[in-house]
Amino acid sequence: MKKIKALISIIMGSDSDLPIMQETAQILEKFAVGYELEIISAHRTPHKIAEFAATARARGIKVIVTGAGGAAHLAGVTAAFTTLPVIGVPIKAKTLEGFDSLCSIVQMPPGVPVATVGINGAKNAGLLALQILAVSDEELTKKLEKYKEQIADEVKNKNEKLAKIGYQKYLKDLQK
């Protein structure tokens, strides 16, 4: 199988973030967009993240998606070393239900922007990265338009099922 050139970097602060961050990889795979995936800690490997972010453009990367819990400095540190778009995914941790991560990522100082999705919003981060790429890629734009039509159809079908069988049976079906 031919390897697709990586256009998006997915990085996470710990392997414990992988169960969430796999959703970014999965949506990129669905759209056949190449990515690289690494574990890089802003706190434990600061020199590595500095080099990684500073060289991303030269590697052909167009967008960086970061996932981190707790203090969640990975997105901001990454953004400090690159001019590429950085998207932060706050990961729900045990202590504050991800609110600490959300605040760490969304409260960036002027001059160091980071786009931020919701807590555990790795799929949306992948979709946002795809939309950024689609600004200059008509084929990807068409794929995203088709995807949006598909998810709209899913909602329409669910609504029709609800109307047909009623909420009680619908809820029972959801629990199966």
Protein backbone atom coordinates (compact mmCIF):
# COMPACT_ATOMS: atom_id res chain seq x y z
CA MET A 1 0.00 0.00 0.00
CA LYS A 2 1.32 3.43 -0.98
CA LYS A 3 1.98 5.77 1.94
CA ILE A 4 0.20 9.12 1.70
CA LYS A 5 2.34 12.23 2.22
CA ALA A 6 1.70 13.72 5.65
CA LEU A 7 -0.03 17.10 5.55
CA ILE A 8 -1.25 17.13 9.15
CA SER A 9 0.64 16.41 12.35
CA ILE A 10 -1.22 14.87 15.26
CA ILE A 11 0.72 15.13 18.49
CA MET A 12 -0.21 14.34 22.05
CA GLY A 13 1.44 14.87 25.38
CA SER A 14 1.03 11.28 26.59
CA ASP A 15 0.00 7.87 25.34
CA SER A 16 -3.03 8.18 27.63
CA ASP A 17 -4.33 10.76 25.12
CA LEU A 18 -4.31 8.26 22.24
CA PRO A 19 -7.80 6.80 22.83
CA ILE A 20 -9.19 10.31 22.16
CA MET A 21 -6.68 11.46 19.54
CA GLN A 22 -7.27 8.37 17.40
CA GLU A 23 -10.49 10.09 16.33
CA THR A 24 -8.42 12.73 14.51
CA ALA A 25 -6.46 10.01 12.73
CA GLN A 26 -9.63 8.14 11.82
CA ILE A 27 -11.32 11.15 10.21
CA LEU A 28 -8.15 11.97 8.25
CA GLU A 29 -8.01 8.36 7.04
CA LYS A 30 -11.66 8.60 5.97
CA PHE A 31 -10.72 11.56 3.76
CA ALA A 32 -7.45 9.93 2.59
CA VAL A 33 -5.32 12.77 3.95
CA GLY A 34 -1.86 11.81 5.18
CA TYR A 35 -0.74 12.52 8.70
CA GLU A 36 2.05 11.87 11.15
CA LEU A 37 1.31 10.81 14.72
CA GLU A 38 3.66 11.30 17.67
CA ILE A 39 3.82 11.53 21.44
CA ILE A 40 5.71 14.66 22.46
CA SER A 41 5.46 16.22 25.90
CA ALA A 42 5.71 19.99 26.26
CA HIS A 43 7.02 19.47 29.79
CA ARG A 44 9.11 16.30 29.59
CA THR A 45 10.57 16.81 26.10
CA PRO A 46 10.58 20.59 25.55
CA HIS A 47 13.55 20.53 23.14
CA LYS A 48 11.80 17.90 21.01
CA ILE A 49 8.59 19.94 20.68
CA ALA A 50 10.58 23.06 19.78
CA GLU A 51 12.40 21.21 16.99
CA PHE A 52 9.26 19.37 15.85
CA ALA A 53 7.20 22.56 15.51
CA ALA A 54 10.01 24.61 13.97
CA THR A 55 10.63 22.01 11.25
CA ALA A 56 7.00 21.05 10.52
CA ARG A 57 6.61 23.37 7.52
CA ALA A 58 9.82 22.04 5.95
CA ARG A 59 8.40 18.49 6.33
CA GLY A 60 5.35 19.55 4.30
CA ILE A 61 2.97 19.84 7.24
CA LYS A 62 0.11 22.33 6.79
CA VAL A 63 -1.76 22.02 10.12
CA ILE A 64 -0.82 20.69 13.57
CA VAL A 65 -3.42 19.10 15.85
CA THR A 66 -2.38 18.76 19.49
CA GLY A 67 -4.05 16.85 22.29
CA ALA A 68 -3.20 17.21 25.96
CA GLY A 69 -4.79 16.96 29.36
CA GLY A 70 -4.05 18.61 32.68
CA ALA A 71 -1.92 21.71 32.24
CA ALA A 72 -2.21 21.16 28.45
CA HIS A 73 0.64 23.42 27.35
CA LEU A 74 1.40 21.40 24.21
CA ALA A 75 -0.74 23.50 21.87
CA GLY A 76 0.65 26.81 23.07
CA VAL A 77 4.26 25.66 23.08
CA THR A 78 3.79 24.26 19.58
CA ALA A 79 2.25 27.52 18.36
CA ALA A 80 5.17 29.45 19.83
CA PHE A 81 7.58 27.69 17.47
CA THR A 82 5.61 27.73 14.19
CA THR A 83 3.46 29.93 11.98
CA LEU A 84 1.31 26.97 10.93
CA PRO A 85 -2.26 26.71 12.21
CA VAL A 86 -2.38 24.83 15.52
CA ILE A 87 -5.56 23.21 16.79
CA GLY A 88 -5.75 22.23 20.46
CA VAL A 89 -7.82 19.34 21.78
CA PRO A 90 -8.35 19.57 25.54
CA ILE A 91 -8.35 16.03 26.94
CA LYS A 92 -10.65 15.20 29.84
CA ALA A 93 -8.48 14.34 32.83
CA LYS A 94 -9.50 12.89 36.18
CA THR A 95 -9.16 16.01 38.29
CA LEU A 96 -11.22 18.78 36.70
CA GLU A 97 -13.11 16.92 33.95
CA GLY A 98 -11.01 18.60 31.23
CA PHE A 99 -11.90 22.15 32.21
CA ASP A 100 -8.29 22.77 33.23
CA SER A 101 -7.10 21.57 29.81
CA LEU A 102 -9.69 23.70 28.02
CA CYS A 103 -8.63 26.84 29.90
CA SER A 104 -4.93 26.12 29.30
CA ILE A 105 -5.45 25.82 25.56
CA VAL A 106 -8.02 28.53 24.93
CA GLN A 107 -6.37 31.28 27.03
CA MET A 108 -3.38 31.99 24.79
CA PRO A 109 -1.66 35.38 24.94
CA PRO A 110 -1.90 37.78 22.01
CA GLY A 111 0.40 36.76 19.18
CA VAL A 112 0.23 33.01 19.86
CA PRO A 113 -3.14 31.89 18.47
CA VAL A 114 -4.42 28.35 18.94
CA ALA A 115 -7.77 27.18 17.57
CA THR A 116 -9.50 25.18 20.27
CA VAL A 117 -12.20 22.54 19.99
CA GLY A 118 -14.32 21.15 22.79
CA ILE A 119 -13.12 18.77 25.47
CA ASN A 120 -12.26 15.42 23.83
CA GLY A 121 -13.21 16.98 20.46
CA ALA A 122 -10.54 15.19 18.44
CA LYS A 123 -12.90 14.36 15.55
CA ASN A 124 -13.83 18.04 15.21
CA ALA A 125 -10.14 18.95 15.32
CA GLY A 126 -9.55 16.63 12.38
CA LEU A 127 -12.49 18.11 10.49
CA LEU A 128 -11.26 21.65 11.19
CA ALA A 129 -7.80 20.70 9.92
CA LEU A 130 -9.41 19.30 6.76
CA GLN A 131 -11.42 22.49 6.28
CA ILE A 132 -8.23 24.53 6.58
CA LEU A 133 -6.61 22.39 3.88
CA ALA A 134 -9.75 22.62 1.74
CA VAL A 135 -9.32 26.38 1.38
CA SER A 136 -6.85 25.59 -1.40
CA ASP A 137 -8.01 22.07 -2.40
CA GLU A 138 -11.19 21.82 -4.46
CA GLU A 139 -11.25 17.99 -4.35
CA LEU A 140 -11.12 18.02 -0.55
CA THR A 141 -13.84 20.70 -0.50
CA LYS A 142 -16.11 18.39 -2.50
CA LYS A 143 -15.40 15.50 -0.11
CA LEU A 144 -16.27 17.72 2.87
CA GLU A 145 -19.49 18.85 1.18
CA LYS A 146 -20.45 15.21 0.61
CA TYR A 147 -19.61 14.40 4.26
CA LYS A 148 -21.86 17.24 5.47
CA GLU A 149 -24.68 15.91 3.28
CA GLN A 150 -24.19 12.44 4.77
CA ILE A 151 -24.37 13.62 8.36
CA ALA A 152 -27.46 15.71 7.53
CA ASP A 153 -29.07 12.57 6.03
CA GLU A 154 -28.24 10.64 9.21
CA VAL A 155 -30.12 13.21 11.30
CA LYS A 156 -33.06 13.15 8.86
CA ASN A 157 -33.22 9.34 9.07
CA LYS A 158 -33.10 9.41 12.87
CA ASN A 159 -35.91 11.95 12.97
CA GLU A 160 -38.04 9.82 10.63
CA LYS A 161 -37.42 6.75 12.80
CA LEU A 162 -38.37 8.71 15.94
CA ALA A 163 -41.61 9.87 14.32
CA LYS A 164 -42.40 6.34 13.16
CA ILE A 165 -41.70 4.32 16.33
CA GLY A 166 -42.04 6.91 19.13
CA TYR A 167 -39.56 8.00 21.74
CA GLN A 168 -39.94 5.01 24.09
CA LYS A 169 -39.06 2.40 21.45
CA TYR A 170 -36.37 4.70 20.06
CA LEU A 171 -34.72 4.90 23.48
CA LYS A 172 -34.89 1.12 23.88
CA ASP A 173 -33.23 0.71 20.48
CA LEU A 174 -30.46 3.11 21.53
CA GLN A 175 -29.72 0.98 24.60
CA LYS A 176 -29.13 -2.16 22.50
